[in-house]
């Protein structure tokens, strides 16, 4: 099959965690013998910031991570240019939520007169935090929504998508994310994540900064969008802030540390419960002991023992201390985490699930016809 993916950025992960999963998905489609065409914005803000932070070599490095993928550059505001060629003979088209509304609409217009299956991929929280932005999108011609968690799928079902909304979790790209036992452990803890818009600043102070300061740990933080006051907090706690780390270099950072933590944003605790960010999948895949701040695994994605959970900052401090002192416990935790990823949460698992959805949609009586097309067929003849 010819698979076409439209996303904000594929070669840049600067403040763009979506790229991690999409690269892994592209890799698995190719491994299964499919053709993979990926379209990204040449002038998008993620690529622009990556160039400023890491230089052109970083983007070239990232572009070579998935051999065989056909990369095409889009220009903002000129989304129609070349669209006919890109979609010609396509079987499945994935349009990520982080695209210009004009492109989302343009691909939908092509779907009305073509036979490919068109999926809207949503891996963000805007459907609940800024619903007007999603409601304004022209999705009439889309066959289905792929939501990265059950609570988000329910939001779309409530909006009228019903059985055409599917849960499609993110997962680990285990071609990149795997244990690296040969790397020397030089740090007690590493945390990889962005500060952002104060969506978890209180939680980061309680579950990361204070426990590290009180225990006197050697710790590194990688990420972007850290205001000066956040950098000051890290420095005061003895934490080294190292700026942006391209995601394909994260496994080595995990390998050099004895443990890591997961601190979800407030949205994923309250409005979209049960959705783990991709950082959980990637950390477990790398075989590093993981301790989470309060987060409910409502979908039971991870069995007990895959990670530890701290109910408070004090509990976090005690668990981190225990992991440093009890090497057997830390090793067991890391092994169980890796096992659950291999069993259920790789990008191959997600691609196989998507192919099952494609088969299901193709078998339906309305195969190759969108809801909008069916409605037109019901209109009285003029």
Protein backbone atom coordinates (compact mmCIF):
# COMPACT_ATOMS: atom_id res chain seq x y z
CA UNK A 1 0.00 0.00 0.00
CA UNK A 2 0.97 3.63 -0.39
CA UNK A 3 0.72 5.39 2.99
CA UNK A 4 0.84 9.19 3.05
CA UNK A 5 1.42 11.09 6.30
CA UNK A 6 1.00 14.84 6.74
CA UNK A 7 2.57 16.27 9.89
CA UNK A 8 4.04 19.51 11.19
CA UNK A 9 7.53 18.05 11.39
CA UNK A 10 9.09 14.63 10.92
CA UNK A 11 12.76 15.56 10.92
CA UNK A 12 12.47 17.90 13.92
CA UNK A 13 11.42 16.93 17.42
CA UNK A 14 12.01 20.41 18.86
CA UNK A 15 8.97 20.84 21.16
CA UNK A 16 7.37 18.23 18.92
CA UNK A 17 7.09 14.89 20.66
CA UNK A 18 4.69 13.73 17.96
CA UNK A 19 7.67 13.16 15.66
CA UNK A 20 8.97 10.35 17.91
CA UNK A 21 5.97 8.09 17.34
CA UNK A 22 5.45 9.04 13.70
CA UNK A 23 9.02 8.06 12.86
CA UNK A 24 8.50 4.68 14.47
CA UNK A 25 5.22 4.17 12.63
CA UNK A 26 6.87 5.04 9.31
CA UNK A 27 9.68 2.60 10.06
CA UNK A 28 7.23 -0.25 10.70
CA UNK A 29 5.12 0.41 7.61
CA UNK A 30 8.29 0.22 5.54
CA UNK A 31 9.40 -2.97 7.28
CA UNK A 32 6.09 -4.55 6.32
CA UNK A 33 6.68 -3.73 2.67
CA UNK A 34 4.52 -0.63 2.29
CA UNK A 35 5.49 2.63 0.62
CA UNK A 36 5.76 5.53 3.08
CA UNK A 37 5.41 9.15 1.96
CA UNK A 38 5.84 11.82 4.65
CA UNK A 39 5.03 15.50 4.16
CA UNK A 40 6.31 18.14 6.61
CA UNK A 41 6.53 21.92 6.64
CA UNK A 42 9.95 23.08 5.49
CA UNK A 43 9.39 26.43 7.22
CA UNK A 44 7.55 25.16 10.32
CA UNK A 45 8.42 26.52 13.75
CA UNK A 46 9.76 23.17 15.00
CA UNK A 47 12.30 22.88 12.21
CA UNK A 48 13.21 26.57 12.50
CA UNK A 49 13.94 26.21 16.21
CA UNK A 50 15.86 22.98 15.67
CA UNK A 51 18.06 24.76 13.14
CA UNK A 52 18.69 27.57 15.60
CA UNK A 53 19.39 25.21 18.51
CA UNK A 54 21.26 22.37 16.83
CA UNK A 55 22.13 23.41 13.31
CA UNK A 56 21.47 21.80 9.95
CA UNK A 57 23.45 18.66 10.80
CA UNK A 58 20.86 17.66 13.40
CA UNK A 59 18.06 17.77 10.86
CA UNK A 60 20.14 15.82 8.34
CA UNK A 61 20.81 13.24 11.04
CA UNK A 62 17.11 12.97 11.82
CA UNK A 63 16.18 12.71 8.14
CA UNK A 64 18.30 9.55 7.91
CA UNK A 65 16.71 7.83 10.90
CA UNK A 66 14.09 6.03 8.82
CA UNK A 67 15.73 4.74 5.63
CA UNK A 68 13.33 4.38 2.74
CA UNK A 69 10.85 7.06 3.75
CA UNK A 70 9.99 9.54 0.99
CA UNK A 71 10.19 13.02 2.51
CA UNK A 72 8.41 15.97 0.90
CA UNK A 73 8.59 19.60 1.99
CA UNK A 74 5.45 21.71 2.29
CA UNK A 75 5.41 25.49 2.36
CA UNK A 76 3.09 27.17 4.81
CA UNK A 77 0.23 28.90 3.03
CA UNK A 78 0.80 26.93 -0.18
CA UNK A 79 -0.64 23.56 0.77
CA UNK A 80 -2.36 22.83 -2.54
CA UNK A 81 0.91 22.80 -4.48
CA UNK A 82 1.73 19.21 -5.41
CA UNK A 83 -1.16 17.68 -3.48
CA UNK A 84 -2.52 15.83 -6.52
CA UNK A 85 0.82 14.13 -7.04
CA UNK A 86 1.31 13.25 -3.38
CA UNK A 87 -2.14 11.68 -3.07
CA UNK A 88 -2.11 9.90 -6.41
CA UNK A 89 -2.70 6.15 -5.90
CA UNK A 90 -2.68 6.57 -2.10
CA UNK A 91 -4.34 3.79 -0.09
CA UNK A 92 -4.19 5.29 3.40
CA UNK A 93 -3.69 8.94 4.33
CA UNK A 94 -2.92 10.12 7.87
CA UNK A 95 -3.32 13.81 8.68
CA UNK A 96 -1.95 14.89 12.03
CA UNK A 97 -3.78 17.45 14.12
CA UNK A 98 -0.71 19.76 14.06
CA UNK A 99 -1.27 20.82 10.46
CA UNK A 100 -2.60 24.03 9.01
CA UNK A 101 -6.41 24.00 8.87
CA UNK A 102 -6.18 24.80 5.17
CA UNK A 103 -4.20 21.62 4.53
CA UNK A 104 -6.58 19.52 6.65
CA UNK A 105 -9.46 20.84 4.53
CA UNK A 106 -7.60 20.44 1.24
CA UNK A 107 -6.83 16.76 1.83
CA UNK A 108 -10.48 16.27 2.75
CA UNK A 109 -11.56 17.77 -0.56
CA UNK A 110 -9.37 15.28 -2.39
CA UNK A 111 -10.90 12.44 -0.41
CA UNK A 112 -14.37 13.19 -1.75
CA UNK A 113 -13.28 12.09 -5.23
CA UNK A 114 -10.68 9.43 -4.34
CA UNK A 115 -10.63 5.94 -2.92
CA UNK A 116 -8.06 6.24 -0.14
CA UNK A 117 -9.01 5.96 3.52
CA UNK A 118 -8.47 9.25 5.33
CA UNK A 119 -7.64 9.36 9.04
CA UNK A 120 -7.39 12.37 11.34
CA UNK A 121 -4.71 11.68 13.95
CA UNK A 122 -5.09 13.55 17.24
CA UNK A 123 -2.33 13.20 19.83
CA UNK A 124 -2.87 16.44 21.74
CA UNK A 125 -5.21 17.88 24.35
CA UNK A 126 -6.70 20.73 22.32
CA UNK A 127 -9.97 18.84 21.86
CA UNK A 128 -10.66 19.50 25.56
CA UNK A 129 -8.53 22.57 26.33
CA UNK A 130 -9.31 24.52 23.15
CA UNK A 131 -12.27 22.71 21.57
CA UNK A 132 -13.12 25.62 19.28
CA UNK A 133 -9.89 25.04 17.35
CA UNK A 134 -10.89 21.44 16.62
CA UNK A 135 -14.53 22.29 15.91
CA UNK A 136 -13.38 24.79 13.30
CA UNK A 137 -11.56 22.12 11.28
CA UNK A 138 -13.22 20.75 8.15
CA UNK A 139 -13.29 17.01 8.83
CA UNK A 140 -16.48 16.16 6.94
CA UNK A 141 -14.68 13.97 4.40
CA UNK A 142 -12.55 12.07 6.92
CA UNK A 143 -13.29 8.39 7.37
CA UNK A 144 -12.17 8.09 10.99
CA UNK A 145 -10.33 9.67 13.91
CA UNK A 146 -7.36 8.06 15.62
CA UNK A 147 -7.17 9.40 19.18
CA UNK A 148 -4.14 8.68 21.36
CA UNK A 149 -6.21 7.63 24.36
CA UNK A 150 -9.64 6.37 25.29
CA UNK A 151 -10.69 9.56 27.07
CA UNK A 152 -9.88 11.56 23.93
CA UNK A 153 -11.68 9.01 21.74
CA UNK A 154 -14.76 9.53 23.91
CA UNK A 155 -14.57 13.28 23.21
CA UNK A 156 -14.80 12.59 19.49
CA UNK A 157 -17.52 9.99 19.95
CA UNK A 158 -19.55 12.61 21.83
CA UNK A 159 -19.02 14.99 18.90
CA UNK A 160 -20.79 12.56 16.58
CA UNK A 161 -17.96 10.36 15.34
CA UNK A 162 -19.35 7.36 17.21
CA UNK A 163 -17.80 4.09 15.97
CA UNK A 164 -15.58 6.02 13.54
CA UNK A 165 -13.42 7.19 16.45
CA UNK A 166 -10.67 4.74 17.43
CA UNK A 167 -8.19 4.66 20.29
CA UNK A 168 -4.65 4.52 18.89
CA UNK A 169 -2.04 4.97 21.60
CA UNK A 170 1.46 6.16 21.03
CA UNK A 171 4.25 3.61 21.49
CA UNK A 172 8.00 3.12 21.58
CA UNK A 173 10.16 2.97 18.49
CA UNK A 174 12.29 0.09 19.78
CA UNK A 175 14.67 0.29 16.84
CA UNK A 176 15.99 3.36 18.66
CA UNK A 177 14.75 3.02 22.22
CA UNK A 178 16.45 0.08 23.85
CA UNK A 179 18.79 -0.59 26.77
CA UNK A 180 22.45 0.33 26.26
CA UNK A 181 24.28 -1.63 28.98
CA UNK A 182 27.72 -0.65 27.70
CA UNK A 183 27.12 3.04 28.56
CA UNK A 184 28.60 4.02 31.93
CA UNK A 185 26.23 5.31 34.60
CA UNK A 186 27.47 8.82 35.39
CA UNK A 187 24.33 10.48 36.78
CA UNK A 188 21.77 9.54 39.41
CA UNK A 189 18.78 10.90 37.52
CA UNK A 190 17.84 12.36 34.16
CA UNK A 191 14.60 14.09 33.22
CA UNK A 192 13.70 14.81 29.63
CA UNK A 193 10.82 17.16 28.97
CA UNK A 194 9.83 20.72 28.19
CA UNK A 195 8.82 23.34 30.70
CA UNK A 196 6.13 24.72 28.38
CA UNK A 197 3.41 27.07 29.52
CA UNK A 198 3.42 26.39 33.26
CA UNK A 199 1.14 23.38 32.70
CA UNK A 200 3.10 21.43 35.32
CA UNK A 201 5.46 23.91 36.98
CA UNK A 202 4.11 23.16 40.47
CA UNK A 203 4.36 19.42 39.85
CA UNK A 204 7.94 19.72 38.57
CA UNK A 205 8.95 21.56 41.71
CA UNK A 206 7.30 18.96 43.96
CA UNK A 207 8.18 15.73 42.17
CA UNK A 208 11.49 16.53 40.48
CA UNK A 209 13.30 19.60 41.71
CA UNK A 210 12.73 19.29 45.48
CA UNK A 211 13.44 15.52 45.76
CA UNK A 212 16.69 15.98 43.82
CA UNK A 213 17.69 18.94 45.98
CA UNK A 214 16.88 17.19 49.25
CA UNK A 215 18.71 14.00 48.28
CA UNK A 216 21.67 15.81 46.75
CA UNK A 217 21.45 13.77 43.55
CA UNK A 218 23.51 14.30 40.44
CA UNK A 219 20.84 15.13 37.87
CA UNK A 220 20.44 16.45 34.34
CA UNK A 221 17.41 18.03 32.68
CA UNK A 222 16.98 18.22 28.92
CA UNK A 223 14.26 20.22 27.20
CA UNK A 224 13.18 23.53 25.72
CA UNK A 225 11.05 26.53 26.58
CA UNK A 226 12.56 26.97 30.04
CA UNK A 227 12.15 30.56 31.27
CA UNK A 228 14.95 32.04 33.32
CA UNK A 229 13.14 31.53 36.63
CA UNK A 230 12.86 27.79 35.84
CA UNK A 231 16.57 27.58 35.04
CA UNK A 232 17.26 29.32 38.35
CA UNK A 233 15.18 26.72 40.20
CA UNK A 234 17.17 23.93 38.60
CA UNK A 235 20.50 25.56 39.39
CA UNK A 236 19.53 26.16 43.00
CA UNK A 237 18.69 22.44 43.32
CA UNK A 238 22.04 21.41 41.85
CA UNK A 239 20.44 20.19 38.61
CA UNK A 240 22.34 20.70 35.38
CA UNK A 241 20.15 22.12 32.62
CA UNK A 242 21.46 20.91 29.27
CA UNK A 243 18.94 22.37 26.82
CA UNK A 244 17.47 20.59 23.82
CA UNK A 245 18.37 16.97 23.24
CA UNK A 246 17.32 15.56 19.84
CA UNK A 247 15.09 12.61 20.58
CA UNK A 248 17.19 10.00 18.79
CA UNK A 249 19.95 10.76 21.32
CA UNK A 250 17.69 10.22 24.32
CA UNK A 251 18.46 6.48 24.76
CA UNK A 252 22.08 7.27 25.53
CA UNK A 253 21.03 9.89 28.09
CA UNK A 254 18.75 7.33 29.75
CA UNK A 255 21.54 4.75 29.69
CA UNK A 256 23.92 7.12 31.52
CA UNK A 257 21.47 7.64 34.41
CA UNK A 258 20.30 5.32 37.17
CA UNK A 259 16.64 6.40 37.05
CA UNK A 260 14.13 8.86 35.64
CA UNK A 261 10.74 10.31 36.54
CA UNK A 262 7.52 11.02 34.69
CA UNK A 263 5.65 14.22 35.55
CA UNK A 264 2.51 14.49 33.38
CA UNK A 265 0.91 17.81 32.56
CA UNK A 266 -2.18 18.77 34.53
CA UNK A 267 -4.44 18.11 31.53
CA UNK A 268 -3.52 14.43 31.54
CA UNK A 269 -4.40 14.15 35.20
CA UNK A 270 -7.80 15.83 35.05
CA UNK A 271 -9.34 16.36 31.61
CA UNK A 272 -7.76 13.46 29.71
CA UNK A 273 -7.06 10.84 32.38
CA UNK A 274 -5.45 7.57 31.46
CA UNK A 275 -3.30 8.85 28.59
CA UNK A 276 0.44 8.34 29.06
CA UNK A 277 2.73 10.58 27.09
CA UNK A 278 5.26 8.97 24.78
CA UNK A 279 7.98 9.61 27.37
CA UNK A 280 6.61 6.71 29.46
CA UNK A 281 6.81 4.26 26.57
CA UNK A 282 10.30 5.43 25.62
CA UNK A 283 11.72 5.32 29.16
CA UNK A 284 10.40 1.81 29.77
CA UNK A 285 11.73 0.68 26.39
CA UNK A 286 15.19 1.86 27.41
CA UNK A 287 15.14 -0.22 30.57
CA UNK A 288 15.56 2.64 33.02
CA UNK A 289 13.74 2.55 36.38
CA UNK A 290 10.81 4.97 36.22
CA UNK A 291 8.93 6.72 39.01
CA UNK A 292 5.75 8.62 38.15
CA UNK A 293 4.02 11.47 39.90
CA UNK A 294 0.26 10.85 40.42
CA UNK A 295 -1.23 9.49 37.22
CA UNK A 296 -4.05 6.99 36.73
CA UNK A 297 -3.52 4.18 34.27
CA UNK A 298 -7.27 3.93 33.62
CA UNK A 299 -6.78 1.84 30.50
CA UNK A 300 -4.51 -0.66 32.29
CA UNK A 301 -1.77 -0.33 29.74
CA UNK A 302 0.98 -1.21 32.22
CA UNK A 303 0.88 -4.08 34.74
CA UNK A 304 2.01 -3.57 38.33
CA UNK A 305 5.75 -3.49 38.59
CA UNK A 306 6.43 -1.75 35.29
CA UNK A 307 7.05 1.51 37.14
CA UNK A 308 6.64 3.01 40.61
CA UNK A 309 4.23 5.80 41.51
CA UNK A 310 4.72 8.49 44.12
CA UNK A 311 1.67 10.02 45.77
CA UNK A 312 3.57 13.09 47.01
CA UNK A 313 6.90 14.81 46.79
CA UNK A 314 7.95 13.13 50.02
CA UNK A 315 7.02 9.73 48.62
CA UNK A 316 8.99 10.52 45.47
CA UNK A 317 12.07 11.30 47.54
CA UNK A 318 11.78 7.97 49.40
CA UNK A 319 11.30 5.95 46.20
CA UNK A 320 14.25 7.57 44.46
CA UNK A 321 16.44 6.92 47.47
CA UNK A 322 15.30 3.29 47.57
CA UNK A 323 16.12 2.77 43.89
CA UNK A 324 19.62 4.11 44.38
CA UNK A 325 20.24 1.86 47.39
CA UNK A 326 18.52 -1.32 46.20
CA UNK A 327 20.13 -2.35 42.94
CA UNK A 328 18.13 -5.58 42.69
CA UNK A 329 14.84 -3.66 42.93
CA UNK A 330 15.99 -1.16 40.32
CA UNK A 331 17.08 -3.93 37.96
CA UNK A 332 13.78 -5.80 38.34
CA UNK A 333 11.78 -2.65 37.72
CA UNK A 334 13.76 -1.89 34.56
CA UNK A 335 13.36 -5.44 33.24
CA UNK A 336 9.60 -5.48 33.79
CA UNK A 337 9.21 -2.14 32.09
CA UNK A 338 11.09 -3.31 29.02
CA UNK A 339 9.08 -6.56 28.92
CA UNK A 340 5.72 -4.80 28.83
CA UNK A 341 6.86 -2.61 25.95
CA UNK A 342 8.03 -5.60 23.93
CA UNK A 343 4.79 -7.41 24.65
CA UNK A 344 2.27 -4.69 23.81
CA UNK A 345 3.57 -1.19 23.14
CA UNK A 346 5.90 -1.04 20.17
CA UNK A 347 5.26 0.88 16.98
CA UNK A 348 4.83 -2.48 15.22
CA UNK A 349 1.88 -3.18 17.52
CA UNK A 350 0.30 0.15 16.57
CA UNK A 351 0.82 -0.34 12.84
CA UNK A 352 -0.75 -3.79 13.00
CA UNK A 353 -3.71 -2.30 14.89
CA UNK A 354 -4.12 0.41 12.26
CA UNK A 355 -4.00 -2.14 9.45
CA UNK A 356 -6.79 -4.03 11.20
CA UNK A 357 -8.87 -0.83 11.27
CA UNK A 358 -8.17 -0.31 7.58
CA UNK A 359 -9.35 -3.85 6.83
CA UNK A 360 -12.48 -3.29 8.91
CA UNK A 361 -13.35 -0.07 7.10
CA UNK A 362 -12.69 -1.62 3.70
CA UNK A 363 -15.09 -4.48 4.47
CA UNK A 364 -17.98 -2.21 5.38
CA UNK A 365 -20.75 -1.70 2.78
CA UNK A 366 -19.76 1.95 2.44
CA UNK A 367 -16.18 1.01 1.55
CA UNK A 368 -14.33 3.86 -0.12
CA UNK A 369 -17.18 6.28 0.58
CA UNK A 370 -17.18 8.90 3.30
CA UNK A 371 -20.17 9.94 5.34
CA UNK A 372 -20.26 13.16 3.33
CA UNK A 373 -20.32 11.20 0.06
CA UNK A 374 -23.11 8.98 1.33
CA UNK A 375 -25.13 12.07 2.25
CA UNK A 376 -24.70 13.48 -1.25
CA UNK A 377 -25.94 10.20 -2.71
CA UNK A 378 -29.15 10.58 -0.73
CA UNK A 379 -29.91 14.02 -2.15
CA UNK A 380 -32.81 14.10 -4.65
CA UNK A 381 -31.81 14.19 -8.29
CA UNK A 382 -31.93 17.62 -9.88
